[in-house]
Amino acid sequence: MRLRDSSTEIFSDNFFADGFLSAGFLAAVFLTAGFLAAGFFAAGFFAAGFFAAGFFAAGFFAAGFF
């Protein structure tokens, strides 16, 4: 009976350890996803910058025609 109690205690300890491990893994995944999202966000800013530069270039082009 005492052996069975200790084995269930070991099982519960492992279960909690696995839970913390998986939680850490999930946190790492979300952190990585956050970095990727920040990268896409920064890429969006760069794209907006090139888009604005394109408008300026179009403006100079139109000014050249006028």
PDB file of N, CA and C in Angstrom:
ATOM      1  N   MET A   1       0.840  -1.204   0.000  1.00  0.00           N
ATOM      2  CA  MET A   1       0.000   0.000   0.000  1.00  0.00           C
ATOM      3  C   MET A   1       0.874   1.252   0.000  1.00  0.00           C
ATOM      4  N   ARG A   2       1.914   1.196   0.783  1.00  0.00           N
ATOM      5  CA  ARG A   2       2.811   2.346   0.847  1.00  0.00           C
ATOM      6  C   ARG A   2       3.546   2.556  -0.490  1.00  0.00           C
ATOM      7  N   LEU A   3       3.921   1.441  -1.129  1.00  0.00           N
ATOM      8  CA  LEU A   3       4.566   1.529  -2.444  1.00  0.00           C
ATOM      9  C   LEU A   3       3.632   2.174  -3.476  1.00  0.00           C
ATOM     10  N   ARG A   4       2.379   1.772  -3.441  1.00  0.00           N
ATOM     11  CA  ARG A   4       1.416   2.314  -4.398  1.00  0.00           C
ATOM     12  C   ARG A   4       1.259   3.828  -4.180  1.00  0.00           C
ATOM     13  N   ASP A   5       1.216   4.260  -2.919  1.00  0.00           N
ATOM     14  CA  ASP A   5       1.100   5.692  -2.629  1.00  0.00           C
ATOM     15  C   ASP A   5       2.301   6.451  -3.183  1.00  0.00           C
ATOM     16  N   SER A   6       3.502   5.898  -2.957  1.00  0.00           N
ATOM     17  CA  SER A   6       4.699   6.590  -3.433  1.00  0.00           C
ATOM     18  C   SER A   6       4.729   6.627  -4.961  1.00  0.00           C
ATOM     19  N   SER A   7       4.259   5.563  -5.594  1.00  0.00           N
ATOM     20  CA  SER A   7       4.270   5.539  -7.058  1.00  0.00           C
ATOM     21  C   SER A   7       3.283   6.578  -7.607  1.00  0.00           C
ATOM     22  N   THR A   8       2.115   6.726  -6.962  1.00  0.00           N
ATOM     23  CA  THR A   8       1.167   7.735  -7.428  1.00  0.00           C
ATOM     24  C   THR A   8       1.734   9.133  -7.171  1.00  0.00           C
ATOM     25  N   GLU A   9       2.467   9.296  -6.078  1.00  0.00           N
ATOM     26  CA  GLU A   9       3.096  10.592  -5.814  1.00  0.00           C
ATOM     27  C   GLU A   9       4.129  10.911  -6.897  1.00  0.00           C
ATOM     28  N   ILE A  10       4.917   9.903  -7.258  1.00  0.00           N
ATOM     29  CA  ILE A  10       5.904  10.100  -8.323  1.00  0.00           C
ATOM     30  C   ILE A  10       5.197  10.439  -9.628  1.00  0.00           C
ATOM     31  N   PHE A  11       4.088   9.736  -9.873  1.00  0.00           N
ATOM     32  CA  PHE A  11       3.344  10.010 -11.105  1.00  0.00           C
ATOM     33  C   PHE A  11       2.836  11.449 -11.107  1.00  0.00           C
ATOM     34  N   SER A  12       2.284  11.898  -9.962  1.00  0.00           N
ATOM     35  CA  SER A  12       1.754  13.252  -9.908  1.00  0.00           C
ATOM     36  C   SER A  12       2.883  14.269 -10.060  1.00  0.00           C
ATOM     37  N   ASP A  13       4.054  13.974  -9.499  1.00  0.00           N
ATOM     38  CA  ASP A  13       5.194  14.884  -9.659  1.00  0.00           C
ATOM     39  C   ASP A  13       5.591  14.976 -11.131  1.00  0.00           C
ATOM     40  N   ASN A  14       5.656  13.839 -11.784  1.00  0.00           N
ATOM     41  CA  ASN A  14       5.999  13.839 -13.209  1.00  0.00           C
ATOM     42  C   ASN A  14       4.942  14.570 -14.015  1.00  0.00           C
ATOM     43  N   PHE A  15       3.687  14.368 -13.625  1.00  0.00           N
ATOM     44  CA  PHE A  15       2.600  15.032 -14.340  1.00  0.00           C
ATOM     45  C   PHE A  15       2.750  16.553 -14.231  1.00  0.00           C
ATOM     46  N   PHE A  16       3.044  17.031 -13.019  1.00  0.00           N
ATOM     47  CA  PHE A  16       3.219  18.476 -12.840  1.00  0.00           C
ATOM     48  C   PHE A  16       4.442  18.971 -13.596  1.00  0.00           C
ATOM     49  N   ALA A  17       5.520  18.184 -13.565  1.00  0.00           N
ATOM     50  CA  ALA A  17       6.729  18.575 -14.293  1.00  0.00           C
ATOM     51  C   ALA A  17       6.445  18.653 -15.786  1.00  0.00           C
ATOM     52  N   ASP A  18       5.713  17.671 -16.312  1.00  0.00           N
ATOM     53  CA  ASP A  18       5.350  17.711 -17.732  1.00  0.00           C
ATOM     54  C   ASP A  18       4.475  18.927 -18.026  1.00  0.00           C
ATOM     55  N   GLY A  19       3.598  19.253 -17.104  1.00  0.00           N
ATOM     56  CA  GLY A  19       2.738  20.417 -17.298  1.00  0.00           C
ATOM     57  C   GLY A  19       3.549  21.698 -17.393  1.00  0.00           C
ATOM     58  N   PHE A  20       4.515  21.848 -16.482  1.00  0.00           N
ATOM     59  CA  PHE A  20       5.358  23.045 -16.517  1.00  0.00           C
ATOM     60  C   PHE A  20       6.200  23.057 -17.788  1.00  0.00           C
ATOM     61  N   LEU A  21       6.691  21.884 -18.194  1.00  0.00           N
ATOM     62  CA  LEU A  21       7.505  21.780 -19.400  1.00  0.00           C
ATOM     63  C   LEU A  21       6.698  22.196 -20.625  1.00  0.00           C
ATOM     64  N   SER A  22       5.470  21.666 -20.723  1.00  0.00           N
ATOM     65  CA  SER A  22       4.634  22.000 -21.874  1.00  0.00           C
ATOM     66  C   SER A  22       4.241  23.477 -21.829  1.00  0.00           C
ATOM     67  N   ALA A  23       4.021  24.021 -20.631  1.00  0.00           N
ATOM     68  CA  ALA A  23       3.688  25.440 -20.510  1.00  0.00           C
ATOM     69  C   ALA A  23       4.873  26.288 -20.973  1.00  0.00           C
ATOM     70  N   GLY A  24       6.082  25.881 -20.605  1.00  0.00           N
ATOM     71  CA  GLY A  24       7.272  26.598 -21.058  1.00  0.00           C
ATOM     72  C   GLY A  24       7.433  26.498 -22.562  1.00  0.00           C
ATOM     73  N   PHE A  25       7.123  25.318 -23.100  1.00  0.00           N
ATOM     74  CA  PHE A  25       7.204  25.125 -24.548  1.00  0.00           C
ATOM     75  C   PHE A  25       6.197  26.024 -25.259  1.00  0.00           C
ATOM     76  N   LEU A  26       4.962  26.071 -24.725  1.00  0.00           N
ATOM     77  CA  LEU A  26       3.933  26.939 -25.301  1.00  0.00           C
ATOM     78  C   LEU A  26       4.362  28.401 -25.226  1.00  0.00           C
ATOM     79  N   ALA A  27       4.938  28.787 -24.085  1.00  0.00           N
ATOM     80  CA  ALA A  27       5.399  30.168 -23.940  1.00  0.00           C
ATOM     81  C   ALA A  27       6.482  30.476 -24.969  1.00  0.00           C
ATOM     82  N   ALA A  28       7.395  29.523 -25.194  1.00  0.00           N
ATOM     83  CA  ALA A  28       8.445  29.724 -26.195  1.00  0.00           C
ATOM     84  C   ALA A  28       7.844  29.845 -27.589  1.00  0.00           C
ATOM     85  N   VAL A  29       6.805  29.028 -27.859  1.00  0.00           N
ATOM     86  CA  VAL A  29       6.148  29.089 -29.168  1.00  0.00           C
ATOM     87  C   VAL A  29       5.472  30.448 -29.355  1.00  0.00           C
ATOM     88  N   PHE A  30       4.758  30.903 -28.321  1.00  0.00           N
ATOM     89  CA  PHE A  30       4.086  32.198 -28.417  1.00  0.00           C
ATOM     90  C   PHE A  30       5.111  33.329 -28.544  1.00  0.00           C
ATOM     91  N   LEU A  31       6.244  33.199 -27.824  1.00  0.00           N
ATOM     92  CA  LEU A  31       7.292  34.214 -27.903  1.00  0.00           C
ATOM     93  C   LEU A  31       7.854  34.265 -29.319  1.00  0.00           C
ATOM     94  N   THR A  32       8.113  33.082 -29.893  1.00  0.00           N
ATOM     95  CA  THR A  32       8.613  33.017 -31.267  1.00  0.00           C
ATOM     96  C   THR A  32       7.596  33.612 -32.236  1.00  0.00           C
ATOM     97  N   ALA A  33       6.326  33.270 -32.024  1.00  0.00           N
ATOM     98  CA  ALA A  33       5.270  33.819 -32.875  1.00  0.00           C
ATOM     99  C   ALA A  33       5.217  35.338 -32.727  1.00  0.00           C
ATOM    100  N   GLY A  34       5.441  35.825 -31.510  1.00  0.00           N
ATOM    101  CA  GLY A  34       5.462  37.272 -31.283  1.00  0.00           C
ATOM    102  C   GLY A  34       6.605  37.944 -32.031  1.00  0.00           C
ATOM    103  N   PHE A  35       7.778  37.284 -32.031  1.00  0.00           N
ATOM    104  CA  PHE A  35       8.922  37.835 -32.767  1.00  0.00           C
ATOM    105  C   PHE A  35       8.621  37.859 -34.264  1.00  0.00           C
ATOM    106  N   LEU A  36       8.001  36.778 -34.761  1.00  0.00           N
ATOM    107  CA  LEU A  36       7.648  36.733 -36.180  1.00  0.00           C
ATOM    108  C   LEU A  36       6.643  37.823 -36.518  1.00  0.00           C
ATOM    109  N   ALA A  37       5.646  37.990 -35.631  1.00  0.00           N
ATOM    110  CA  ALA A  37       4.640  39.028 -35.852  1.00  0.00           C
ATOM    111  C   ALA A  37       5.296  40.404 -35.860  1.00  0.00           C
ATOM    112  N   ALA A  38       6.248  40.630 -34.952  1.00  0.00           N
ATOM    113  CA  ALA A  38       6.954  41.910 -34.915  1.00  0.00           C
ATOM    114  C   ALA A  38       7.768  42.087 -36.192  1.00  0.00           C
ATOM    115  N   GLY A  39       8.342  40.995 -36.692  1.00  0.00           N
ATOM    116  CA  GLY A  39       9.092  41.068 -37.943  1.00  0.00           C
ATOM    117  C   GLY A  39       8.195  41.443 -39.111  1.00  0.00           C
ATOM    118  N   PHE A  40       7.009  40.816 -39.187  1.00  0.00           N
ATOM    119  CA  PHE A  40       6.071  41.143 -40.264  1.00  0.00           C
ATOM    120  C   PHE A  40       5.580  42.585 -40.107  1.00  0.00           C
ATOM    121  N   PHE A  41       5.384  43.021 -38.850  1.00  0.00           N
ATOM    122  CA  PHE A  41       4.948  44.389 -38.584  1.00  0.00           C
ATOM    123  C   PHE A  41       6.000  45.376 -39.087  1.00  0.00           C
ATOM    124  N   ALA A  42       7.288  45.092 -38.760  1.00  0.00           N
ATOM    125  CA  ALA A  42       8.383  45.947 -39.228  1.00  0.00           C
ATOM    126  C   ALA A  42       8.470  45.912 -40.751  1.00  0.00           C
ATOM    127  N   ALA A  43       8.285  44.724 -41.340  1.00  0.00           N
ATOM    128  CA  ALA A  43       8.296  44.620 -42.803  1.00  0.00           C
ATOM    129  C   ALA A  43       7.163  45.449 -43.399  1.00  0.00           C
ATOM    130  N   GLY A  44       6.029  45.485 -42.699  1.00  0.00           N
ATOM    131  CA  GLY A  44       4.907  46.309 -43.147  1.00  0.00           C
ATOM    132  C   GLY A  44       5.263  47.793 -43.138  1.00  0.00           C
ATOM    133  N   PHE A  45       6.014  48.214 -42.101  1.00  0.00           N
ATOM    134  CA  PHE A  45       6.457  49.609 -42.051  1.00  0.00           C
ATOM    135  C   PHE A  45       7.394  49.921 -43.217  1.00  0.00           C
ATOM    136  N   PHE A  46       8.317  48.977 -43.495  1.00  0.00           N
ATOM    137  CA  PHE A  46       9.231  49.164 -44.626  1.00  0.00           C
ATOM    138  C   PHE A  46       8.449  49.249 -45.933  1.00  0.00           C
ATOM    139  N   ALA A  47       7.453  48.345 -46.072  1.00  0.00           N
ATOM    140  CA  ALA A  47       6.632  48.349 -47.283  1.00  0.00           C
ATOM    141  C   ALA A  47       5.888  49.677 -47.415  1.00  0.00           C
ATOM    142  N   ALA A  48       5.360  50.180 -46.293  1.00  0.00           N
ATOM    143  CA  ALA A  48       4.665  51.469 -46.315  1.00  0.00           C
ATOM    144  C   ALA A  48       5.637  52.587 -46.704  1.00  0.00           C
ATOM    145  N   GLY A  49       6.884  52.467 -46.221  1.00  0.00           N
ATOM    146  CA  GLY A  49       7.902  53.461 -46.576  1.00  0.00           C
ATOM    147  C   GLY A  49       8.197  53.454 -48.068  1.00  0.00           C
ATOM    148  N   PHE A  50       8.332  52.234 -48.639  1.00  0.00           N
ATOM    149  CA  PHE A  50       8.587  52.135 -50.076  1.00  0.00           C
ATOM    150  C   PHE A  50       7.378  52.638 -50.863  1.00  0.00           C
ATOM    151  N   PHE A  51       6.185  52.354 -50.342  1.00  0.00           N
ATOM    152  CA  PHE A  51       4.957  52.810 -50.986  1.00  0.00           C
ATOM    153  C   PHE A  51       4.926  54.337 -51.014  1.00  0.00           C
ATOM    154  N   ALA A  52       5.252  54.963 -49.863  1.00  0.00           N
ATOM    155  CA  ALA A  52       5.297  56.427 -49.799  1.00  0.00           C
ATOM    156  C   ALA A  52       6.378  56.965 -50.726  1.00  0.00           C
ATOM    157  N   ALA A  53       7.534  56.285 -50.766  1.00  0.00           N
ATOM    158  CA  ALA A  53       8.609  56.710 -51.665  1.00  0.00           C
ATOM    159  C   ALA A  53       8.144  56.627 -53.109  1.00  0.00           C
ATOM    160  N   GLY A  54       7.330  55.605 -53.401  1.00  0.00           N
ATOM    161  CA  GLY A  54       6.767  55.488 -54.742  1.00  0.00           C
ATOM    162  C   GLY A  54       5.855  56.661 -55.069  1.00  0.00           C
ATOM    163  N   PHE A  55       5.092  57.117 -54.090  1.00  0.00           N
ATOM    164  CA  PHE A  55       4.242  58.287 -54.305  1.00  0.00           C
ATOM    165  C   PHE A  55       5.085  59.528 -54.564  1.00  0.00           C
ATOM    166  N   PHE A  56       6.180  59.669 -53.800  1.00  0.00           N
ATOM    167  CA  PHE A  56       7.074  60.808 -54.025  1.00  0.00           C
ATOM    168  C   PHE A  56       7.688  60.744 -55.426  1.00  0.00           C
ATOM    169  N   ALA A  57       8.116  59.531 -55.825  1.00  0.00           N
ATOM    170  CA  ALA A  57       8.685  59.357 -57.158  1.00  0.00           C
ATOM    171  C   ALA A  57       7.644  59.691 -58.223  1.00  0.00           C
ATOM    172  N   ALA A  58       6.401  59.252 -57.999  1.00  0.00           N
ATOM    173  CA  ALA A  58       5.330  59.567 -58.946  1.00  0.00           C
ATOM    174  C   ALA A  58       5.093  61.074 -58.984  1.00  0.00           C
ATOM    175  N   GLY A  59       5.216  61.720 -57.830  1.00  0.00           N
ATOM    176  CA  GLY A  59       5.050  63.170 -57.763  1.00  0.00           C
ATOM    177  C   GLY A  59       6.134  63.882 -58.557  1.00  0.00           C
ATOM    178  N   PHE A  60       7.385  63.435 -58.414  1.00  0.00           N
ATOM    179  CA  PHE A  60       8.484  64.049 -59.168  1.00  0.00           C
ATOM    180  C   PHE A  60       8.314  63.782 -60.665  1.00  0.00           C
ATOM    181  N   PHE A  61       7.819  62.584 -60.987  1.00  0.00           N
ATOM    182  CA  PHE A  61       7.562  62.223 -62.380  1.00  0.00           C
ATOM    183  C   PHE A  61       6.512  63.160 -62.965  1.00  0.00           C
ATOM    184  N   ALA A  62       5.427  63.370 -62.192  1.00  0.00           N
ATOM    185  CA  ALA A  62       4.365  64.265 -62.651  1.00  0.00           C
ATOM    186  C   ALA A  62       4.891  65.694 -62.744  1.00  0.00           C
ATOM    187  N   ALA A  63       5.740  66.094 -61.786  1.00  0.00           N
ATOM    188  CA  ALA A  63       6.318  67.442 -61.825  1.00  0.00           C
ATOM    189  C   ALA A  63       7.201  67.578 -63.063  1.00  0.00           C
ATOM    190  N   GLY A  64       7.852  66.509 -63.473  1.00  0.00           N
ATOM    191  CA  GLY A  64       8.676  66.546 -64.676  1.00  0.00           C
ATOM    192  C   GLY A  64       7.820  66.755 -65.917  1.00  0.00           C
ATOM    193  N   PHE A  65       6.633  66.149 -65.926  1.00  0.00           N
ATOM    194  CA  PHE A  65       5.741  66.345 -67.064  1.00  0.00           C
ATOM    195  C   PHE A  65       5.249  67.791 -67.114  1.00  0.00           C
ATOM    196  N   PHE A  66       4.911  68.319 -65.914  1.00  0.00           N
ATOM    197  CA  PHE A  66       4.423  69.695 -65.864  1.00  0.00           C
ATOM    198  C   PHE A  66       5.593  70.654 -66.051  1.00  0.00           C
TER     199      PHE A  66
END
